[in-house]
Amino acid sequence: MEGECKVVLDATVDTGNRTQTTQGVRFSSKTTTALLVLTLGLAAAVLIFNGHAKGPGQDEDNFDYRHTLRQISNVRAAIHLQGEYNPNMKTSVEWKNQVDQAHSQGGLELNNNEIVIPRNGLYFIYSQASFRVSCSSNAADDTTSKSMVHLSHIVQRWSSSYGNYGEKLSYHTILHSVRTACQKTAGSDPDDEESWFSAVYMGAVFSLNRGDRLKTVMEEKMLPNLEEKPGNTFFGVFAL
């Protein structure tokens, strides 16, 4: 009898423990499920709110806007001009924009055959003039005192810091190159004259101010001999 009582008592106690354990597991499972549902609900609410706040396609629009601003900030002022002979101009070639490889950007512009500087800063200025030079002549004085053929090319700058003298603008020479192309030789037949092709190039860095103007000066007698093929005569500036 005592053994049977022990067995029944043990079974009763064991059944109670299992009941408590099962209830604990069920309570834990319900709590976990509730937390998971709450988390998913909050995540969905955040996504919906962000979607309404941005609107359709706003991410793409923001990217395009930032990309455009970056491109604008990276545009560096530059201008490159092509030279052509104009009989009506006596001291320089005529500079052309938007022809062949000529171009301009960043505020640098061509005005009255001069380059106008848009803002203060360091700029590299360069220019080249190419000529067809005749080294044969049947004139006696050309083989004596004027036997050497010289080419000259100048870049001048006007700046408000220089001041004006009356109504005349004051230009200062900032680049000047002189080159001896050849020596004159006596020839009897002008049709047999040999032509020499020679170029005068120069370039340097300058600190320029907003509103400064740059122009070129060449010898009038050499202008008709200008070489006008693309890439031979040019004038340009770019910001550093």
C-alpha atoms as a PDB file:
ATOM      1  CA  MET A   1       0.000   0.000   0.000  1.00  0.00           C
ATOM      2  CA  GLU A   2       2.767   2.399   0.797  1.00  0.00           C
ATOM      3  CA  GLY A   3       4.381   1.694  -2.584  1.00  0.00           C
ATOM      4  CA  GLU A   4       1.191   2.409  -4.438  1.00  0.00           C
ATOM      5  CA  CYS A   5       0.742   5.718  -2.607  1.00  0.00           C
ATOM      6  CA  LYS A   6       4.234   6.752  -3.526  1.00  0.00           C
ATOM      7  CA  VAL A   7       3.649   5.951  -7.132  1.00  0.00           C
ATOM      8  CA  VAL A   8       0.429   7.912  -7.276  1.00  0.00           C
ATOM      9  CA  LEU A   9       1.992  10.840  -5.489  1.00  0.00           C
ATOM     10  CA  ASP A  10       4.949  10.905  -7.811  1.00  0.00           C
ATOM     11  CA  ALA A  11       2.691  10.772 -10.849  1.00  0.00           C
ATOM     12  CA  THR A  12       0.629  13.657  -9.524  1.00  0.00           C
ATOM     13  CA  VAL A  13       3.622  15.800  -8.857  1.00  0.00           C
ATOM     14  CA  ASP A  14       5.121  15.019 -12.268  1.00  0.00           C
ATOM     15  CA  THR A  15       1.893  15.902 -14.035  1.00  0.00           C
ATOM     16  CA  GLY A  16       1.793  19.271 -12.326  1.00  0.00           C
ATOM     17  CA  ASN A  17       5.329  20.136 -13.389  1.00  0.00           C
ATOM     18  CA  ARG A  18       4.611  19.251 -16.995  1.00  0.00           C
ATOM     19  CA  THR A  19       1.498  21.421 -16.922  1.00  0.00           C
ATOM     20  CA  GLN A  20       3.458  24.401 -15.599  1.00  0.00           C
ATOM     21  CA  THR A  21       6.224  23.879 -18.205  1.00  0.00           C
ATOM     22  CA  THR A  22       3.753  23.675 -21.061  1.00  0.00           C
ATOM     23  CA  GLN A  23       2.007  26.836 -19.936  1.00  0.00           C
ATOM     24  CA  GLY A  24       5.379  28.620 -19.719  1.00  0.00           C
ATOM     25  CA  VAL A  25       6.307  27.573 -23.231  1.00  0.00           C
ATOM     26  CA  ARG A  26       2.928  28.669 -24.562  1.00  0.00           C
ATOM     27  CA  PHE A  27       3.240  32.042 -22.834  1.00  0.00           C
ATOM     28  CA  SER A  28       6.777  32.548 -24.221  1.00  0.00           C
ATOM     29  CA  SER A  29       5.662  31.648 -27.769  1.00  0.00           C
ATOM     30  CA  LYS A  30       2.777  34.105 -27.628  1.00  0.00           C
ATOM     31  CA  THR A  31       5.084  36.888 -26.401  1.00  0.00           C
ATOM     32  CA  THR A  32       7.641  36.247 -29.179  1.00  0.00           C
ATOM     33  CA  THR A  33       4.942  36.196 -31.844  1.00  0.00           C
ATOM     34  CA  ALA A  34       3.467  39.461 -30.570  1.00  0.00           C
ATOM     35  CA  LEU A  35       6.865  41.177 -30.612  1.00  0.00           C
ATOM     36  CA  LEU A  36       7.582  39.903 -34.132  1.00  0.00           C
ATOM     37  CA  VAL A  37       4.234  41.180 -35.413  1.00  0.00           C
ATOM     38  CA  LEU A  38       4.837  44.549 -33.752  1.00  0.00           C
ATOM     39  CA  THR A  39       8.330  44.835 -35.306  1.00  0.00           C
ATOM     40  CA  LEU A  40       7.067  43.981 -38.795  1.00  0.00           C
ATOM     41  CA  GLY A  41       4.269  46.493 -38.419  1.00  0.00           C
ATOM     42  CA  LEU A  42       6.661  49.281 -37.446  1.00  0.00           C
ATOM     43  CA  ALA A  43       8.993  48.447 -40.346  1.00  0.00           C
ATOM     44  CA  ALA A  44       6.108  48.534 -42.813  1.00  0.00           C
ATOM     45  CA  ALA A  45       4.938  51.880 -41.425  1.00  0.00           C
ATOM     46  CA  VAL A  46       8.419  53.387 -41.837  1.00  0.00           C
ATOM     47  CA  LEU A  47       8.664  52.193 -45.453  1.00  0.00           C
ATOM     48  CA  ILE A  48       5.243  53.579 -46.304  1.00  0.00           C
ATOM     49  CA  PHE A  49       6.068  56.932 -44.677  1.00  0.00           C
ATOM     50  CA  ASN A  50       9.360  57.220 -46.566  1.00  0.00           C
ATOM     51  CA  GLY A  51       7.641  56.342 -49.806  1.00  0.00           C
ATOM     52  CA  HIS A  52       5.045  59.084 -49.356  1.00  0.00           C
ATOM     53  CA  ALA A  53       7.639  61.626 -48.200  1.00  0.00           C
ATOM     54  CA  LYS A  54      10.019  61.118 -51.163  1.00  0.00           C
ATOM     55  CA  GLY A  55       7.444  60.614 -53.839  1.00  0.00           C
ATOM     56  CA  PRO A  56       7.928  58.536 -56.967  1.00  0.00           C
ATOM     57  CA  GLY A  57      11.255  59.022 -58.702  1.00  0.00           C
ATOM     58  CA  GLN A  58      12.667  61.441 -56.119  1.00  0.00           C
ATOM     59  CA  ASP A  59      15.821  59.389 -55.594  1.00  0.00           C
ATOM     60  CA  GLU A  60      16.555  59.606 -59.324  1.00  0.00           C
ATOM     61  CA  ASP A  61      15.820  63.341 -59.352  1.00  0.00           C
ATOM     62  CA  ASN A  62      18.148  63.968 -56.400  1.00  0.00           C
ATOM     63  CA  PHE A  63      20.907  61.990 -58.115  1.00  0.00           C
ATOM     64  CA  ASP A  64      20.501  63.937 -61.370  1.00  0.00           C
ATOM     65  CA  TYR A  65      20.523  67.242 -59.482  1.00  0.00           C
ATOM     66  CA  ARG A  66      23.712  66.405 -57.598  1.00  0.00           C
ATOM     67  CA  HIS A  67      25.316  65.145 -60.805  1.00  0.00           C
ATOM     68  CA  THR A  68      24.439  68.386 -62.624  1.00  0.00           C
ATOM     69  CA  LEU A  69      25.858  70.535 -59.817  1.00  0.00           C
ATOM     70  CA  ARG A  70      29.043  68.490 -59.859  1.00  0.00           C
ATOM     71  CA  GLN A  71      29.397  68.964 -63.616  1.00  0.00           C
ATOM     72  CA  ILE A  72      28.861  72.737 -63.340  1.00  0.00           C
ATOM     73  CA  SER A  73      31.461  73.054 -60.581  1.00  0.00           C
ATOM     74  CA  ASN A  74      33.977  71.095 -62.672  1.00  0.00           C
ATOM     75  CA  VAL A  75      33.632  73.308 -65.764  1.00  0.00           C
ATOM     76  CA  ARG A  76      36.925  75.142 -66.121  1.00  0.00           C
ATOM     77  CA  ALA A  77      37.083  78.439 -68.002  1.00  0.00           C
ATOM     78  CA  ALA A  78      38.756  77.925 -71.379  1.00  0.00           C
ATOM     79  CA  ILE A  79      38.762  79.428 -74.844  1.00  0.00           C
ATOM     80  CA  HIS A  80      40.525  78.410 -78.054  1.00  0.00           C
ATOM     81  CA  LEU A  81      40.291  80.539 -81.197  1.00  0.00           C
ATOM     82  CA  GLN A  82      41.206  79.960 -84.839  1.00  0.00           C
ATOM     83  CA  GLY A  83      42.969  82.726 -86.779  1.00  0.00           C
ATOM     84  CA  GLU A  84      42.035  83.927 -90.286  1.00  0.00           C
ATOM     85  CA  TYR A  85      43.443  86.682 -92.466  1.00  0.00           C
ATOM     86  CA  ASN A  86      41.165  89.702 -92.860  1.00  0.00           C
ATOM     87  CA  PRO A  87      42.420  92.449 -95.246  1.00  0.00           C
ATOM     88  CA  ASN A  88      40.486  95.046 -93.262  1.00  0.00           C
ATOM     89  CA  MET A  89      42.505  94.325 -90.121  1.00  0.00           C
ATOM     90  CA  LYS A  90      45.987  95.861 -90.200  1.00  0.00           C
ATOM     91  CA  THR A  91      47.537  94.794 -86.899  1.00  0.00           C
ATOM     92  CA  SER A  92      46.260  91.296 -86.234  1.00  0.00           C
ATOM     93  CA  VAL A  93      44.532  88.287 -87.690  1.00  0.00           C
ATOM     94  CA  GLU A  94      40.806  87.891 -87.147  1.00  0.00           C
ATOM     95  CA  TRP A  95      40.033  85.411 -84.402  1.00  0.00           C
ATOM     96  CA  LYS A  96      37.119  83.026 -84.876  1.00  0.00           C
ATOM     97  CA  ASN A  97      35.101  81.080 -82.332  1.00  0.00           C
ATOM     98  CA  GLN A  98      32.924  78.008 -82.933  1.00  0.00           C
ATOM     99  CA  VAL A  99      34.813  76.985 -86.090  1.00  0.00           C
ATOM    100  CA  ASP A 100      36.882  73.832 -86.516  1.00  0.00           C
ATOM    101  CA  GLN A 101      38.307  73.098 -83.017  1.00  0.00           C
ATOM    102  CA  ALA A 102      37.587  76.579 -81.655  1.00  0.00           C
ATOM    103  CA  HIS A 103      35.432  76.699 -78.538  1.00  0.00           C
ATOM    104  CA  SER A 104      34.769  78.633 -75.327  1.00  0.00           C
ATOM    105  CA  GLN A 105      33.343  77.792 -71.895  1.00  0.00           C
ATOM    106  CA  GLY A 106      33.303  78.925 -68.279  1.00  0.00           C
ATOM    107  CA  GLY A 107      32.757  82.629 -69.011  1.00  0.00           C
ATOM    108  CA  LEU A 108      35.746  83.324 -71.282  1.00  0.00           C
ATOM    109  CA  GLU A 109      34.488  85.034 -74.430  1.00  0.00           C
ATOM    110  CA  LEU A 110      35.590  86.712 -77.636  1.00  0.00           C
ATOM    111  CA  ASN A 111      34.599  90.366 -77.927  1.00  0.00           C
ATOM    112  CA  ASN A 112      35.862  92.834 -80.543  1.00  0.00           C
ATOM    113  CA  ASN A 113      38.644  90.398 -81.498  1.00  0.00           C
ATOM    114  CA  GLU A 114      39.817  90.287 -77.875  1.00  0.00           C
ATOM    115  CA  ILE A 115      39.502  87.680 -75.126  1.00  0.00           C
ATOM    116  CA  VAL A 116      37.658  88.960 -72.046  1.00  0.00           C
ATOM    117  CA  ILE A 117      38.539  87.489 -68.622  1.00  0.00           C
ATOM    118  CA  PRO A 118      35.461  86.575 -66.503  1.00  0.00           C
ATOM    119  CA  ARG A 119      37.002  86.482 -62.996  1.00  0.00           C
ATOM    120  CA  ASN A 120      40.213  86.955 -61.031  1.00  0.00           C
ATOM    121  CA  GLY A 121      42.679  84.081 -61.085  1.00  0.00           C
ATOM    122  CA  LEU A 122      45.660  82.394 -62.691  1.00  0.00           C
ATOM    123  CA  TYR A 123      45.416  81.763 -66.434  1.00  0.00           C
ATOM    124  CA  PHE A 124      47.649  80.155 -69.017  1.00  0.00           C
ATOM    125  CA  ILE A 125      47.798  82.289 -72.176  1.00  0.00           C
ATOM    126  CA  TYR A 126      49.097  80.834 -75.420  1.00  0.00           C
ATOM    127  CA  SER A 127      49.185  81.741 -79.092  1.00  0.00           C
ATOM    128  CA  GLN A 128      50.745  80.613 -82.330  1.00  0.00           C
ATOM    129  CA  ALA A 129      51.005  82.316 -85.708  1.00  0.00           C
ATOM    130  CA  SER A 130      52.130  80.380 -88.791  1.00  0.00           C
ATOM    131  CA  PHE A 131      53.313  82.027 -92.018  1.00  0.00           C
ATOM    132  CA  ARG A 132      54.382  81.144 -95.528  1.00  0.00           C
ATOM    133  CA  VAL A 133      57.678  82.966 -95.938  1.00  0.00           C
ATOM    134  CA  SER A 134      59.323  83.771 -99.264  1.00  0.00           C
ATOM    135  CA  CYS A 135      63.097  83.772 -99.061  1.00  0.00           C
ATOM    136  CA  SER A 136      63.751  84.697-102.688  1.00  0.00           C
ATOM    137  CA  SER A 137      63.811  88.222-104.090  1.00  0.00           C
ATOM    138  CA  ASN A 138      65.019  90.032-107.188  1.00  0.00           C
ATOM    139  CA  ALA A 139      65.252  93.393-105.402  1.00  0.00           C
ATOM    140  CA  ALA A 140      68.786  94.504-104.611  1.00  0.00           C
ATOM    141  CA  ASP A 141      68.006  96.003-101.224  1.00  0.00           C
ATOM    142  CA  ASP A 142      66.357  92.781-100.064  1.00  0.00           C
ATOM    143  CA  THR A 143      69.714  90.996-100.218  1.00  0.00           C
ATOM    144  CA  THR A 144      71.557  93.681 -98.292  1.00  0.00           C
ATOM    145  CA  SER A 145      70.099  95.585 -95.327  1.00  0.00           C
ATOM    146  CA  LYS A 146      66.854  93.573 -95.351  1.00  0.00           C
ATOM    147  CA  SER A 147      68.309  90.149 -96.072  1.00  0.00           C
ATOM    148  CA  MET A 148      66.833  88.501 -92.968  1.00  0.00           C
ATOM    149  CA  VAL A 149      63.136  87.670 -92.733  1.00  0.00           C
ATOM    150  CA  HIS A 150      61.836  88.208 -89.197  1.00  0.00           C
ATOM    151  CA  LEU A 151      58.530  87.076 -87.737  1.00  0.00           C
ATOM    152  CA  SER A 152      57.010  88.836 -84.755  1.00  0.00           C
ATOM    153  CA  HIS A 153      54.040  87.878 -82.600  1.00  0.00           C
ATOM    154  CA  ILE A 154      52.753  89.793 -79.560  1.00  0.00           C
ATOM    155  CA  VAL A 155      50.023  89.351 -76.939  1.00  0.00           C
ATOM    156  CA  GLN A 156      48.939  92.504 -75.118  1.00  0.00           C
ATOM    157  CA  ARG A 157      46.810  92.963 -72.015  1.00  0.00           C
ATOM    158  CA  TRP A 158      44.475  95.767 -71.046  1.00  0.00           C
ATOM    159  CA  SER A 159      43.527  96.040 -67.388  1.00  0.00           C
ATOM    160  CA  SER A 160      41.669  98.631 -65.351  1.00  0.00           C
ATOM    161  CA  SER A 161      44.637  98.573 -62.999  1.00  0.00           C
ATOM    162  CA  TYR A 162      46.747 100.179 -65.734  1.00  0.00           C
ATOM    163  CA  GLY A 163      44.505 103.229 -66.031  1.00  0.00           C
ATOM    164  CA  ASN A 164      43.434 105.003 -69.229  1.00  0.00           C
ATOM    165  CA  TYR A 165      45.037 107.919 -70.994  1.00  0.00           C
ATOM    166  CA  GLY A 166      42.115 109.986 -72.137  1.00  0.00           C
ATOM    167  CA  GLU A 167      39.880 107.931 -74.383  1.00  0.00           C
ATOM    168  CA  LYS A 168      42.704 105.652 -75.494  1.00  0.00           C
ATOM    169  CA  LEU A 169      43.012 102.292 -73.775  1.00  0.00           C
ATOM    170  CA  SER A 170      46.430 101.466 -72.406  1.00  0.00           C
ATOM    171  CA  TYR A 171      47.715  98.022 -73.435  1.00  0.00           C
ATOM    172  CA  HIS A 172      50.837  96.396 -72.008  1.00  0.00           C
ATOM    173  CA  THR A 173      52.804  93.685 -73.801  1.00  0.00           C
ATOM    174  CA  ILE A 174      52.900  90.469 -71.782  1.00  0.00           C
ATOM    175  CA  LEU A 175      54.125  88.019 -74.449  1.00  0.00           C
ATOM    176  CA  HIS A 176      56.486  88.844 -77.314  1.00  0.00           C
ATOM    177  CA  SER A 177      58.282  86.447 -79.605  1.00  0.00           C
ATOM    178  CA  VAL A 178      60.556  87.302 -82.537  1.00  0.00           C
ATOM    179  CA  ARG A 179      61.953  84.684 -84.852  1.00  0.00           C
ATOM    180  CA  THR A 180      64.264  84.799 -87.847  1.00  0.00           C
ATOM    181  CA  ALA A 181      62.663  82.659 -90.535  1.00  0.00           C
ATOM    182  CA  CYS A 182      65.293  82.727 -93.284  1.00  0.00           C
ATOM    183  CA  GLN A 183      67.693  84.874 -95.252  1.00  0.00           C
ATOM    184  CA  LYS A 184      66.751  86.473 -98.537  1.00  0.00           C
ATOM    185  CA  THR A 185      68.422  85.113-101.676  1.00  0.00           C
ATOM    186  CA  ALA A 186      68.498  86.722-105.104  1.00  0.00           C
ATOM    187  CA  GLY A 187      66.158  85.226-107.673  1.00  0.00           C
ATOM    188  CA  SER A 188      65.225  86.220-111.196  1.00  0.00           C
ATOM    189  CA  ASP A 189      61.899  84.471-111.619  1.00  0.00           C
ATOM    190  CA  PRO A 190      59.234  85.207-108.982  1.00  0.00           C
ATOM    191  CA  ASP A 191      57.452  81.973-109.944  1.00  0.00           C
ATOM    192  CA  ASP A 192      60.489  80.004-108.804  1.00  0.00           C
ATOM    193  CA  GLU A 193      60.444  81.513-105.326  1.00  0.00           C
ATOM    194  CA  GLU A 194      60.648  79.002-102.534  1.00  0.00           C
ATOM    195  CA  SER A 195      58.231  79.255 -99.611  1.00  0.00           C
ATOM    196  CA  TRP A 196      59.266  78.474 -96.064  1.00  0.00           C
ATOM    197  CA  PHE A 197      56.677  77.583 -93.467  1.00  0.00           C
ATOM    198  CA  SER A 198      57.464  78.951 -90.048  1.00  0.00           C
ATOM    199  CA  ALA A 199      55.507  79.248 -86.809  1.00  0.00           C
ATOM    200  CA  VAL A 200      55.931  81.511 -83.796  1.00  0.00           C
ATOM    201  CA  TYR A 201      54.580  80.038 -80.558  1.00  0.00           C
ATOM    202  CA  MET A 202      54.520  81.483 -77.035  1.00  0.00           C
ATOM    203  CA  GLY A 203      52.737  80.800 -73.758  1.00  0.00           C
ATOM    204  CA  ALA A 204      52.976  81.598 -70.038  1.00  0.00           C
ATOM    205  CA  VAL A 205      50.962  81.834 -66.815  1.00  0.00           C
ATOM    206  CA  PHE A 206      49.592  85.198 -65.631  1.00  0.00           C
ATOM    207  CA  SER A 207      47.492  86.506 -62.764  1.00  0.00           C
ATOM    208  CA  LEU A 208      44.560  88.288 -64.400  1.00  0.00           C
ATOM    209  CA  ASN A 209      41.630  90.317 -63.138  1.00  0.00           C
ATOM    210  CA  ARG A 210      37.979  90.256 -64.024  1.00  0.00           C
ATOM    211  CA  GLY A 211      37.352  92.415 -67.087  1.00  0.00           C
ATOM    212  CA  ASP A 212      40.930  92.229 -68.411  1.00  0.00           C
ATOM    213  CA  ARG A 213      41.193  92.066 -72.194  1.00  0.00           C
ATOM    214  CA  LEU A 214      43.786  90.237 -74.297  1.00  0.00           C
ATOM    215  CA  LYS A 215      44.651  90.881 -77.934  1.00  0.00           C
ATOM    216  CA  THR A 216      47.352  89.929 -80.427  1.00  0.00           C
ATOM    217  CA  VAL A 217      49.544  92.173 -82.571  1.00  0.00           C
ATOM    218  CA  MET A 218      51.399  91.136 -85.744  1.00  0.00           C
ATOM    219  CA  GLU A 219      53.333  92.886 -88.492  1.00  0.00           C
ATOM    220  CA  GLU A 220      51.036  94.143 -91.207  1.00  0.00           C
ATOM    221  CA  LYS A 221      53.355  93.054 -94.016  1.00  0.00           C
ATOM    222  CA  MET A 222      53.267  89.459 -92.795  1.00  0.00           C
ATOM    223  CA  LEU A 223      49.503  89.133 -92.413  1.00  0.00           C
ATOM    224  CA  PRO A 224      48.811  88.237 -96.088  1.00  0.00           C
ATOM    225  CA  ASN A 225      51.219  85.318 -95.667  1.00  0.00           C
ATOM    226  CA  LEU A 226      49.260  83.842 -92.770  1.00  0.00           C
ATOM    227  CA  GLU A 227      48.799  80.068 -92.828  1.00  0.00           C
ATOM    228  CA  GLU A 228      45.079  79.533 -92.244  1.00  0.00           C
ATOM    229  CA  LYS A 229      44.829  75.759 -92.215  1.00  0.00           C
ATOM    230  CA  PRO A 230      43.285  74.333 -89.004  1.00  0.00           C
ATOM    231  CA  GLY A 231      45.770  74.008 -86.166  1.00  0.00           C
ATOM    232  CA  ASN A 232      48.347  76.429 -87.582  1.00  0.00           C
ATOM    233  CA  THR A 233      47.258  79.802 -86.153  1.00  0.00           C
ATOM    234  CA  PHE A 234      45.450  79.951 -82.831  1.00  0.00           C
ATOM    235  CA  PHE A 235      44.968  81.973 -79.641  1.00  0.00           C
ATOM    236  CA  GLY A 236      43.719  80.629 -76.330  1.00  0.00           C
ATOM    237  CA  VAL A 237      43.406  80.966 -72.573  1.00  0.00           C
ATOM    238  CA  PHE A 238      42.444  78.538 -69.816  1.00  0.00           C
ATOM    239  CA  ALA A 239      42.063  78.921 -66.062  1.00  0.00           C
ATOM    240  CA  LEU A 240      44.356  77.015 -63.690  1.00  0.00           C
END
